Amino acid sequence: MTRRAVARRPDSLPVLAGVTVLLCGTAAIVLRSRLALVRVTGSSMAPTFADGDRLLVRRTVRPRRGDVAVFRNPVAGPDTEPDPPWLVKRVAAVPGDRVPEETLAAVGAARGAVVPPGRLIVRGDAERSLDSRQFGYVSATTVLGTVLRPL
């Protein structure tokens, strides 16, 4: 009886595992640079979002009117961290839009004025909300992103 030589394939499992780990790590880095997760604190966005809701946020530099944006809280002293550090509000006006009547006093504008470049006007969905009616314009550079959906 003669023995036949059997060709063995090299064990590809370690290579496949390494490639999988590399792809998963790269995907995690890409997703983290484009997505964020935030938790709603308070009721200013009720009934759209409730206190404690978690939101998936797409990092973006240019929110549009009607988008729900997450941005750094502009209400803070020079040496204090605002609480909460991030706010969730709906974009009511973007550069070039007319400044809404209810925010004219807060932004120091006259009737018929337009939102200047690099600024936004935001409003909470609830009637009683800390928003542009109190703190005026929001700098577009402080926007983390826009809400994709609740989780």
N, C-alpha and C. Protein backbone atom coordinates (compact mmCIF):
# COMPACT_ATOMS: atom_id res chain seq x y z
N MET A 1 0.84 -1.15 0.00
CA MET A 1 0.00 0.00 0.00
C MET A 1 0.90 1.23 0.00
N THR A 2 0.62 2.10 -0.88
CA THR A 2 1.43 3.30 -0.97
C THR A 2 0.74 4.46 -0.26
N ARG A 3 1.55 5.24 0.30
CA ARG A 3 1.03 6.42 0.98
C ARG A 3 1.00 7.59 0.02
N ARG A 4 -0.09 8.30 0.07
CA ARG A 4 -0.19 9.49 -0.75
C ARG A 4 0.16 10.71 0.09
N ALA A 5 0.81 11.59 -0.56
CA ALA A 5 1.12 12.84 0.13
C ALA A 5 -0.15 13.69 0.14
N VAL A 6 -0.49 14.16 1.30
CA VAL A 6 -1.68 15.00 1.44
C VAL A 6 -1.22 16.43 1.63
N ALA A 7 -1.70 17.29 0.77
CA ALA A 7 -1.34 18.70 0.90
C ALA A 7 -2.24 19.33 1.96
N ARG A 8 -1.61 20.00 2.90
CA ARG A 8 -2.37 20.66 3.96
C ARG A 8 -2.40 22.16 3.71
N ARG A 9 -3.55 22.73 3.91
CA ARG A 9 -3.66 24.18 3.79
C ARG A 9 -3.09 24.81 5.05
N PRO A 10 -2.45 25.94 4.89
CA PRO A 10 -1.95 26.61 6.09
C PRO A 10 -3.13 27.03 6.96
N ASP A 11 -2.93 27.03 8.23
CA ASP A 11 -3.99 27.39 9.17
C ASP A 11 -4.27 28.89 9.02
N SER A 12 -5.44 29.22 8.46
CA SER A 12 -5.76 30.62 8.19
C SER A 12 -6.57 31.26 9.31
N LEU A 13 -6.91 30.53 10.34
CA LEU A 13 -7.71 31.08 11.42
C LEU A 13 -7.04 32.25 12.13
N PRO A 14 -5.76 32.19 12.50
CA PRO A 14 -5.13 33.35 13.14
C PRO A 14 -5.12 34.59 12.24
N VAL A 15 -4.91 34.39 10.94
CA VAL A 15 -4.89 35.52 10.02
C VAL A 15 -6.28 36.13 9.93
N LEU A 16 -7.30 35.29 9.82
CA LEU A 16 -8.68 35.76 9.74
C LEU A 16 -9.07 36.50 11.02
N ALA A 17 -8.68 35.98 12.16
CA ALA A 17 -8.99 36.64 13.43
C ALA A 17 -8.31 38.01 13.52
N GLY A 18 -7.08 38.09 13.07
CA GLY A 18 -6.37 39.36 13.09
C GLY A 18 -7.01 40.39 12.19
N VAL A 19 -7.43 39.96 11.00
CA VAL A 19 -8.09 40.87 10.06
C VAL A 19 -9.42 41.34 10.65
N THR A 20 -10.16 40.43 11.27
CA THR A 20 -11.45 40.78 11.88
C THR A 20 -11.27 41.80 12.99
N VAL A 21 -10.29 41.60 13.85
CA VAL A 21 -10.02 42.54 14.93
C VAL A 21 -9.64 43.91 14.36
N LEU A 22 -8.81 43.91 13.34
CA LEU A 22 -8.40 45.17 12.71
C LEU A 22 -9.59 45.90 12.11
N LEU A 23 -10.46 45.18 11.40
CA LEU A 23 -11.64 45.80 10.79
C LEU A 23 -12.60 46.33 11.86
N CYS A 24 -12.82 45.56 12.91
CA CYS A 24 -13.71 46.01 13.99
C CYS A 24 -13.14 47.24 14.69
N GLY A 25 -11.86 47.26 14.93
CA GLY A 25 -11.23 48.42 15.56
C GLY A 25 -11.33 49.66 14.70
N THR A 26 -11.10 49.50 13.40
CA THR A 26 -11.21 50.63 12.48
C THR A 26 -12.65 51.13 12.41
N ALA A 27 -13.60 50.21 12.35
CA ALA A 27 -15.01 50.61 12.30
C ALA A 27 -15.40 51.35 13.58
N ALA A 28 -14.92 50.90 14.72
CA ALA A 28 -15.23 51.58 15.99
C ALA A 28 -14.68 53.00 16.01
N ILE A 29 -13.47 53.18 15.51
CA ILE A 29 -12.87 54.52 15.48
C ILE A 29 -13.66 55.43 14.53
N VAL A 30 -14.02 54.91 13.37
CA VAL A 30 -14.78 55.71 12.40
C VAL A 30 -16.14 56.07 12.97
N LEU A 31 -16.85 55.10 13.57
CA LEU A 31 -18.17 55.38 14.14
C LEU A 31 -18.09 56.38 15.28
N ARG A 32 -17.08 56.24 16.13
CA ARG A 32 -16.94 57.16 17.26
C ARG A 32 -16.65 58.58 16.78
N SER A 33 -15.95 58.72 15.67
CA SER A 33 -15.67 60.05 15.15
C SER A 33 -16.89 60.66 14.47
N ARG A 34 -17.88 59.85 14.12
CA ARG A 34 -19.06 60.35 13.42
C ARG A 34 -20.33 60.30 14.25
N LEU A 35 -20.33 59.52 15.32
CA LEU A 35 -21.52 59.35 16.14
C LEU A 35 -21.21 59.62 17.61
N ALA A 36 -22.23 60.02 18.35
CA ALA A 36 -22.10 60.22 19.79
C ALA A 36 -23.40 59.77 20.43
N LEU A 37 -23.35 59.51 21.70
CA LEU A 37 -24.52 59.11 22.47
C LEU A 37 -24.68 60.11 23.60
N VAL A 38 -25.86 60.73 23.72
CA VAL A 38 -26.11 61.69 24.79
C VAL A 38 -27.40 61.31 25.51
N ARG A 39 -27.50 61.74 26.75
CA ARG A 39 -28.70 61.49 27.56
C ARG A 39 -29.41 62.82 27.79
N VAL A 40 -30.73 62.82 27.62
CA VAL A 40 -31.54 64.01 27.83
C VAL A 40 -31.68 64.24 29.33
N THR A 41 -31.46 65.49 29.75
CA THR A 41 -31.66 65.88 31.14
C THR A 41 -32.69 67.00 31.16
N GLY A 42 -33.81 66.76 31.80
CA GLY A 42 -34.85 67.78 31.88
C GLY A 42 -35.97 67.54 30.89
N SER A 43 -36.90 68.49 30.86
CA SER A 43 -38.12 68.30 30.06
C SER A 43 -38.30 69.36 28.98
N SER A 44 -37.25 70.09 28.64
CA SER A 44 -37.41 71.18 27.67
C SER A 44 -37.72 70.69 26.26
N MET A 45 -37.47 69.42 25.97
CA MET A 45 -37.78 68.90 24.63
C MET A 45 -39.02 68.01 24.63
N ALA A 46 -39.80 68.03 25.73
CA ALA A 46 -41.04 67.26 25.79
C ALA A 46 -42.04 67.89 24.83
N PRO A 47 -42.85 67.13 24.18
CA PRO A 47 -43.03 65.70 24.27
C PRO A 47 -42.12 64.89 23.35
N THR A 48 -41.27 65.54 22.57
CA THR A 48 -40.41 64.81 21.63
C THR A 48 -39.47 63.86 22.35
N PHE A 49 -38.77 64.36 23.38
CA PHE A 49 -37.85 63.54 24.16
C PHE A 49 -38.14 63.76 25.64
N ALA A 50 -38.01 62.71 26.41
CA ALA A 50 -38.28 62.78 27.85
C ALA A 50 -36.97 62.75 28.63
N ASP A 51 -37.04 63.21 29.86
CA ASP A 51 -35.89 63.17 30.76
C ASP A 51 -35.37 61.73 30.85
N GLY A 52 -34.08 61.54 30.61
CA GLY A 52 -33.47 60.22 30.68
C GLY A 52 -33.36 59.50 29.34
N ASP A 53 -34.03 60.00 28.30
CA ASP A 53 -33.90 59.37 26.98
C ASP A 53 -32.45 59.43 26.51
N ARG A 54 -32.02 58.38 25.82
CA ARG A 54 -30.70 58.38 25.19
C ARG A 54 -30.88 58.65 23.71
N LEU A 55 -29.98 59.48 23.16
CA LEU A 55 -30.09 59.89 21.77
C LEU A 55 -28.83 59.56 21.00
N LEU A 56 -29.00 59.04 19.79
CA LEU A 56 -27.88 58.81 18.89
C LEU A 56 -27.69 60.08 18.08
N VAL A 57 -26.48 60.63 18.13
CA VAL A 57 -26.20 61.93 17.52
C VAL A 57 -25.16 61.76 16.42
N ARG A 58 -25.47 62.32 15.25
CA ARG A 58 -24.51 62.34 14.14
C ARG A 58 -23.72 63.64 14.23
N ARG A 59 -22.42 63.51 14.36
CA ARG A 59 -21.58 64.70 14.43
C ARG A 59 -21.64 65.42 13.08
N THR A 60 -21.98 66.69 13.15
CA THR A 60 -22.12 67.49 11.93
C THR A 60 -21.75 68.92 12.24
N VAL A 61 -21.35 69.65 11.25
CA VAL A 61 -20.96 71.04 11.47
C VAL A 61 -22.03 72.01 11.00
N ARG A 62 -23.02 71.53 10.26
CA ARG A 62 -24.00 72.44 9.69
C ARG A 62 -25.43 71.94 9.89
N PRO A 63 -26.00 72.18 11.06
CA PRO A 63 -27.39 71.76 11.25
C PRO A 63 -28.34 72.61 10.39
N ARG A 64 -29.46 72.02 10.04
CA ARG A 64 -30.47 72.73 9.23
C ARG A 64 -31.65 73.11 10.12
N ARG A 65 -32.44 74.06 9.65
CA ARG A 65 -33.63 74.46 10.36
C ARG A 65 -34.51 73.23 10.56
N GLY A 66 -35.00 73.03 11.77
CA GLY A 66 -35.84 71.88 12.09
C GLY A 66 -35.07 70.72 12.70
N ASP A 67 -33.76 70.66 12.49
CA ASP A 67 -32.95 69.61 13.11
C ASP A 67 -32.95 69.78 14.63
N VAL A 68 -32.82 68.67 15.34
CA VAL A 68 -32.60 68.74 16.78
C VAL A 68 -31.09 68.66 16.97
N ALA A 69 -30.52 69.71 17.55
CA ALA A 69 -29.07 69.82 17.68
C ALA A 69 -28.64 69.63 19.13
N VAL A 70 -27.44 69.11 19.29
CA VAL A 70 -26.79 69.02 20.60
C VAL A 70 -25.61 69.98 20.55
N PHE A 71 -25.55 70.89 21.52
CA PHE A 71 -24.50 71.91 21.52
C PHE A 71 -24.07 72.22 22.94
N ARG A 72 -22.89 72.82 23.05
CA ARG A 72 -22.35 73.18 24.36
C ARG A 72 -23.24 74.24 24.98
N ASN A 73 -23.55 74.07 26.26
CA ASN A 73 -24.41 75.00 26.99
C ASN A 73 -23.73 76.37 27.05
N PRO A 74 -24.37 77.41 26.49
CA PRO A 74 -23.73 78.73 26.50
C PRO A 74 -23.88 79.47 27.83
N VAL A 75 -24.68 78.94 28.76
CA VAL A 75 -24.92 79.61 30.03
C VAL A 75 -23.92 79.12 31.06
N ALA A 76 -22.84 79.86 31.22
CA ALA A 76 -21.81 79.50 32.20
C ALA A 76 -20.99 80.73 32.51
N GLY A 77 -20.42 80.73 33.69
CA GLY A 77 -19.52 81.81 34.05
C GLY A 77 -18.17 81.61 33.39
N PRO A 78 -17.28 82.59 33.51
CA PRO A 78 -15.98 82.49 32.84
C PRO A 78 -15.11 81.35 33.36
N ASP A 79 -15.28 80.98 34.63
CA ASP A 79 -14.44 79.93 35.21
C ASP A 79 -15.23 78.72 35.66
N THR A 80 -16.46 78.58 35.19
CA THR A 80 -17.29 77.47 35.64
C THR A 80 -17.74 76.62 34.46
N GLU A 81 -17.92 75.36 34.74
CA GLU A 81 -18.44 74.42 33.75
C GLU A 81 -19.96 74.48 33.84
N PRO A 82 -20.67 74.66 32.72
CA PRO A 82 -22.13 74.73 32.78
C PRO A 82 -22.73 73.38 33.18
N ASP A 83 -23.89 73.43 33.78
CA ASP A 83 -24.58 72.21 34.19
C ASP A 83 -25.99 72.26 33.63
N PRO A 84 -26.35 71.43 32.71
CA PRO A 84 -25.55 70.37 32.09
C PRO A 84 -24.60 70.96 31.04
N PRO A 85 -23.54 70.23 30.72
CA PRO A 85 -22.57 70.75 29.74
C PRO A 85 -23.12 70.82 28.32
N TRP A 86 -24.10 69.98 27.98
CA TRP A 86 -24.67 69.95 26.63
C TRP A 86 -26.16 70.22 26.71
N LEU A 87 -26.70 70.89 25.70
CA LEU A 87 -28.14 71.12 25.59
C LEU A 87 -28.65 70.48 24.31
N VAL A 88 -29.91 70.06 24.34
CA VAL A 88 -30.58 69.48 23.18
C VAL A 88 -31.75 70.39 22.85
N LYS A 89 -31.73 71.00 21.67
CA LYS A 89 -32.79 71.93 21.25
C LYS A 89 -33.01 71.81 19.75
N ARG A 90 -34.17 72.29 19.31
CA ARG A 90 -34.49 72.29 17.89
C ARG A 90 -33.98 73.58 17.25
N VAL A 91 -33.37 73.48 16.08
CA VAL A 91 -32.86 74.65 15.37
C VAL A 91 -34.06 75.40 14.77
N ALA A 92 -34.26 76.65 15.23
CA ALA A 92 -35.39 77.46 14.78
C ALA A 92 -35.00 78.37 13.62
N ALA A 93 -33.74 78.79 13.57
CA ALA A 93 -33.29 79.67 12.48
C ALA A 93 -31.80 79.48 12.26
N VAL A 94 -31.40 79.54 11.00
CA VAL A 94 -30.00 79.39 10.59
C VAL A 94 -29.55 80.69 9.92
N PRO A 95 -28.25 80.84 9.64
CA PRO A 95 -27.78 82.08 9.00
C PRO A 95 -28.59 82.42 7.75
N GLY A 96 -29.00 83.71 7.70
CA GLY A 96 -29.78 84.18 6.57
C GLY A 96 -31.28 84.18 6.83
N ASP A 97 -31.76 83.40 7.82
CA ASP A 97 -33.18 83.40 8.20
C ASP A 97 -33.48 84.65 9.02
N ARG A 98 -34.72 85.07 9.02
CA ARG A 98 -35.13 86.16 9.89
C ARG A 98 -35.11 85.71 11.33
N VAL A 99 -34.69 86.62 12.21
CA VAL A 99 -34.67 86.32 13.64
C VAL A 99 -36.12 86.26 14.12
N PRO A 100 -36.53 85.15 14.75
CA PRO A 100 -37.91 85.05 15.25
C PRO A 100 -38.22 86.15 16.27
N GLU A 101 -39.46 86.64 16.24
CA GLU A 101 -39.90 87.73 17.11
C GLU A 101 -39.55 87.49 18.58
N GLU A 102 -39.80 86.28 19.06
CA GLU A 102 -39.63 86.00 20.49
C GLU A 102 -38.17 86.01 20.94
N THR A 103 -37.23 86.07 20.01
CA THR A 103 -35.81 86.08 20.38
C THR A 103 -35.13 87.42 20.09
N LEU A 104 -35.86 88.36 19.54
CA LEU A 104 -35.26 89.65 19.17
C LEU A 104 -34.54 90.33 20.33
N ALA A 105 -35.20 90.39 21.49
CA ALA A 105 -34.60 91.07 22.65
C ALA A 105 -33.34 90.35 23.11
N ALA A 106 -33.37 89.01 23.14
CA ALA A 106 -32.22 88.24 23.65
C ALA A 106 -30.99 88.37 22.75
N VAL A 107 -31.22 88.52 21.44
CA VAL A 107 -30.07 88.62 20.52
C VAL A 107 -29.71 90.07 20.23
N GLY A 108 -30.52 91.01 20.73
CA GLY A 108 -30.22 92.43 20.51
C GLY A 108 -30.41 92.86 19.08
N ALA A 109 -31.45 92.33 18.43
CA ALA A 109 -31.68 92.65 17.03
C ALA A 109 -33.00 93.39 16.87
N ALA A 110 -33.13 94.09 15.78
CA ALA A 110 -34.37 94.79 15.45
C ALA A 110 -35.24 93.89 14.58
N ARG A 111 -36.51 94.20 14.54
CA ARG A 111 -37.44 93.44 13.70
C ARG A 111 -36.94 93.44 12.26
N GLY A 112 -36.97 92.28 11.62
CA GLY A 112 -36.51 92.16 10.24
C GLY A 112 -35.04 91.77 10.12
N ALA A 113 -34.33 91.70 11.25
CA ALA A 113 -32.91 91.31 11.20
C ALA A 113 -32.79 89.84 10.82
N VAL A 114 -31.62 89.49 10.27
CA VAL A 114 -31.37 88.10 9.91
C VAL A 114 -30.29 87.51 10.81
N VAL A 115 -30.32 86.19 10.93
CA VAL A 115 -29.32 85.49 11.73
C VAL A 115 -27.97 85.62 11.03
N PRO A 116 -26.94 86.08 11.74
CA PRO A 116 -25.63 86.27 11.10
C PRO A 116 -24.91 84.94 10.84
N PRO A 117 -23.91 84.96 9.97
CA PRO A 117 -23.13 83.74 9.69
C PRO A 117 -22.51 83.19 10.98
N GLY A 118 -22.49 81.87 11.08
CA GLY A 118 -21.87 81.21 12.23
C GLY A 118 -22.73 81.18 13.47
N ARG A 119 -23.99 81.59 13.37
CA ARG A 119 -24.90 81.63 14.52
C ARG A 119 -26.17 80.84 14.22
N LEU A 120 -26.82 80.37 15.29
CA LEU A 120 -28.09 79.66 15.19
C LEU A 120 -29.04 80.21 16.25
N ILE A 121 -30.32 80.02 16.02
CA ILE A 121 -31.32 80.26 17.05
C ILE A 121 -31.98 78.92 17.32
N VAL A 122 -32.07 78.57 18.59
CA VAL A 122 -32.61 77.27 18.99
C VAL A 122 -33.78 77.46 19.94
N ARG A 123 -34.68 76.48 19.93
CA ARG A 123 -35.85 76.50 20.80
C ARG A 123 -36.09 75.10 21.34
N GLY A 124 -36.51 75.04 22.59
CA GLY A 124 -36.97 73.77 23.14
C GLY A 124 -38.38 73.50 22.63
N ASP A 125 -38.78 72.23 22.56
CA ASP A 125 -40.13 71.91 22.10
C ASP A 125 -41.17 72.25 23.15
N ALA A 126 -40.77 72.23 24.43
CA ALA A 126 -41.70 72.61 25.50
C ALA A 126 -41.77 74.13 25.57
N GLU A 127 -42.92 74.66 25.96
CA GLU A 127 -43.09 76.11 26.02
C GLU A 127 -42.14 76.74 27.03
N ARG A 128 -41.94 76.09 28.18
CA ARG A 128 -41.02 76.62 29.19
C ARG A 128 -39.68 75.92 29.00
N SER A 129 -38.77 76.59 28.36
CA SER A 129 -37.48 76.00 28.01
C SER A 129 -36.41 77.07 28.04
N LEU A 130 -35.24 76.71 28.54
CA LEU A 130 -34.08 77.61 28.45
C LEU A 130 -33.54 77.47 27.04
N ASP A 131 -33.67 78.54 26.25
CA ASP A 131 -33.25 78.47 24.85
C ASP A 131 -32.87 79.87 24.37
N SER A 132 -32.87 80.10 23.08
CA SER A 132 -32.42 81.38 22.52
C SER A 132 -33.26 82.57 22.97
N ARG A 133 -34.45 82.32 23.51
CA ARG A 133 -35.26 83.42 24.05
C ARG A 133 -34.59 84.03 25.27
N GLN A 134 -33.74 83.22 25.97
CA GLN A 134 -33.03 83.72 27.14
C GLN A 134 -31.55 83.99 26.85
N PHE A 135 -30.87 83.06 26.16
CA PHE A 135 -29.42 83.24 26.00
C PHE A 135 -29.00 83.71 24.61
N GLY A 136 -29.94 83.97 23.72
CA GLY A 136 -29.59 84.53 22.42
C GLY A 136 -29.05 83.52 21.43
N TYR A 137 -28.14 84.00 20.59
CA TYR A 137 -27.57 83.14 19.55
C TYR A 137 -26.73 82.01 20.15
N VAL A 138 -26.63 80.93 19.38
CA VAL A 138 -25.73 79.83 19.68
C VAL A 138 -24.68 79.83 18.59
N SER A 139 -23.42 79.75 18.97
CA SER A 139 -22.35 79.67 17.98
C SER A 139 -22.37 78.29 17.32
N ALA A 140 -22.34 78.28 16.01
CA ALA A 140 -22.34 77.01 15.27
C ALA A 140 -21.12 76.16 15.60
N THR A 141 -20.05 76.78 16.09
CA THR A 141 -18.85 76.01 16.42
C THR A 141 -19.03 75.19 17.69
N THR A 142 -20.08 75.45 18.47
CA THR A 142 -20.31 74.68 19.70
C THR A 142 -21.22 73.49 19.48
N VAL A 143 -21.70 73.28 18.24
CA VAL A 143 -22.61 72.18 17.94
C VAL A 143 -21.84 70.87 17.85
N LEU A 144 -22.27 69.90 18.66
CA LEU A 144 -21.70 68.55 18.61
C LEU A 144 -22.26 67.81 17.41
N GLY A 145 -23.56 67.93 17.19
CA GLY A 145 -24.18 67.23 16.06
C GLY A 145 -25.69 67.32 16.11
N THR A 146 -26.33 66.54 15.25
CA THR A 146 -27.79 66.49 15.18
C THR A 146 -28.28 65.11 15.56
N VAL A 147 -29.45 65.08 16.17
CA VAL A 147 -30.01 63.82 16.65
C VAL A 147 -30.50 62.99 15.47
N LEU A 148 -30.04 61.73 15.44
CA LEU A 148 -30.53 60.79 14.42
C LEU A 148 -31.81 60.14 14.89
N ARG A 149 -31.77 59.63 16.14
CA ARG A 149 -32.95 58.97 16.70
C ARG A 149 -32.71 58.66 18.17
N PRO A 150 -33.81 58.44 18.89
CA PRO A 150 -33.65 57.99 20.29
C PRO A 150 -33.28 56.51 20.30
N LEU A 151 -32.63 56.08 21.35
CA LEU A 151 -32.26 54.66 21.49
C LEU A 151 -33.09 54.00 22.57
